[in-house]
C-alpha atoms as a PDB file:
ATOM      1  CA  MET A   1      -0.258   0.291  -0.357  1.00  0.00           C
ATOM      2  CA  SER A   2       3.016   2.230   0.216  1.00  0.00           C
ATOM      3  CA  SER A   3       3.345   2.690  -3.524  1.00  0.00           C
ATOM      4  CA  ARG A   4       0.295   4.308  -3.503  1.00  0.00           C
ATOM      5  CA  LYS A   5       1.515   6.790  -0.496  1.00  0.00           C
ATOM      6  CA  MET A   6       0.212  10.599  -1.047  1.00  0.00           C
ATOM      7  CA  LEU A   7       2.747  13.038   0.484  1.00  0.00           C
ATOM      8  CA  LYS A   8       1.764  16.476   0.812  1.00  0.00           C
ATOM      9  CA  LEU A   9       3.964  18.989  -0.170  1.00  0.00           C
ATOM     10  CA  THR A  10       4.806  20.583   2.799  1.00  0.00           C
ATOM     11  CA  GLU A  11       5.907  16.909   3.973  1.00  0.00           C
ATOM     12  CA  VAL A  12       7.854  17.255   0.693  1.00  0.00           C
ATOM     13  CA  LEU A  13       9.371  20.052   1.216  1.00  0.00           C
ATOM     14  CA  GLU A  14      10.246  19.081   4.662  1.00  0.00           C
ATOM     15  CA  GLU A  15      12.279  16.007   3.387  1.00  0.00           C
ATOM     16  CA  ILE A  16      14.108  17.386   1.059  1.00  0.00           C
ATOM     17  CA  ASP A  17      14.940  20.763   3.329  1.00  0.00           C
ATOM     18  CA  MET A  18      13.796  22.876   0.597  1.00  0.00           C
ATOM     19  CA  SER A  19      12.046  26.149   0.127  1.00  0.00           C
ATOM     20  CA  ARG A  20       8.096  26.148  -1.547  1.00  0.00           C
ATOM     21  CA  ALA A  21       9.562  29.299  -3.683  1.00  0.00           C
ATOM     22  CA  ALA A  22      12.889  27.466  -4.645  1.00  0.00           C
ATOM     23  CA  PHE A  23      10.488  24.166  -5.024  1.00  0.00           C
ATOM     24  CA  TYR A  24       8.650  25.797  -7.625  1.00  0.00           C
ATOM     25  CA  ARG A  25      12.106  27.583  -9.494  1.00  0.00           C
ATOM     26  CA  MET A  26      13.336  23.237  -9.902  1.00  0.00           C
ATOM     27  CA  ARG A  27       9.341  22.946 -10.928  1.00  0.00           C
ATOM     28  CA  ALA A  28      10.167  25.506 -13.944  1.00  0.00           C
ATOM     29  CA  ARG A  29      13.061  23.726 -14.911  1.00  0.00           C
ATOM     30  CA  GLY A  30      11.528  20.568 -15.180  1.00  0.00           C
ATOM     31  CA  LYS A  31      13.794  18.917 -11.944  1.00  0.00           C
ATOM     32  CA  ALA A  32      11.329  18.531  -9.161  1.00  0.00           C
ATOM     33  CA  PRO A  33       9.145  15.345  -8.261  1.00  0.00           C
ATOM     34  CA  LYS A  34       5.686  15.183  -9.979  1.00  0.00           C
ATOM     35  CA  LEU A  35       2.681  17.227  -8.469  1.00  0.00           C
ATOM     36  CA  ILE A  36      -0.550  15.629  -8.432  1.00  0.00           C
ATOM     37  CA  LYS A  37      -3.388  18.350  -7.665  1.00  0.00           C
ATOM     38  CA  LEU A  38      -6.148  17.259  -6.164  1.00  0.00           C
ATOM     39  CA  PRO A  39      -9.914  18.097  -6.947  1.00  0.00           C
ATOM     40  CA  ASN A  40      -9.939  20.289  -3.473  1.00  0.00           C
ATOM     41  CA  GLY A  41      -6.714  21.918  -5.576  1.00  0.00           C
ATOM     42  CA  GLN A  42      -4.583  20.384  -2.832  1.00  0.00           C
ATOM     43  CA  LEU A  43      -0.635  19.163  -4.162  1.00  0.00           C
ATOM     44  CA  ARG A  44       0.129  16.115  -3.666  1.00  0.00           C
ATOM     45  CA  VAL A  45       3.624  13.803  -4.942  1.00  0.00           C
ATOM     46  CA  ARG A  46       3.293   9.858  -4.375  1.00  0.00           C
ATOM     47  CA  ARG A  47       5.665   8.452  -2.380  1.00  0.00           C
ATOM     48  CA  THR A  48       7.108   6.106  -5.075  1.00  0.00           C
ATOM     49  CA  ASP A  49       7.988   9.133  -7.148  1.00  0.00           C
ATOM     50  CA  LEU A  50       9.932  11.248  -4.735  1.00  0.00           C
ATOM     51  CA  ASP A  51      11.307   8.746  -3.846  1.00  0.00           C
ATOM     52  CA  ALA A  52      12.742   8.041  -8.056  1.00  0.00           C
ATOM     53  CA  TRP A  53      13.864  11.145  -8.002  1.00  0.00           C
ATOM     54  CA  TRP A  54      15.936  11.058  -5.089  1.00  0.00           C
ATOM     55  CA  ALA A  55      17.422   8.143  -6.927  1.00  0.00           C
ATOM     56  CA  GLU A  56      18.180   9.943  -9.464  1.00  0.00           C
ATOM     57  CA  CYS A  57      19.193  13.275  -7.767  1.00  0.00           C
ATOM     58  CA  GLU A  58      21.379  10.301  -6.599  1.00  0.00           C
ATOM     59  CA  GLN A  59      22.643   9.257 -10.061  1.00  0.00           C
ATOM     60  CA  THR A  60      23.228  12.682 -11.009  1.00  0.00           C
ATOM     61  CA  ALA A  61      25.700  13.107  -8.554  1.00  0.00           C
ATOM     62  CA  ALA A  62      27.882  10.645  -8.874  1.00  0.00           C
END
C-alpha cells in the first residue's frame, strides 16, 4: 500500500529541506518530483515519485 502513499507538499519540502519558492523554481525547470493536484486544489506527491526523484539526484551527483 506504500506505493499509493501521497505526501503533502509541506511534507515533501521538509524531507528535501527546500523552500517552497526554490521547489517551484526547480519545478519550472522540470527538475522536481511530479505534483498531483487534487480536486480540492491541494497538492500531493506520490511516495514512489519522490523516491524515484531521490534516486535520480543520487545518480546525477555520482
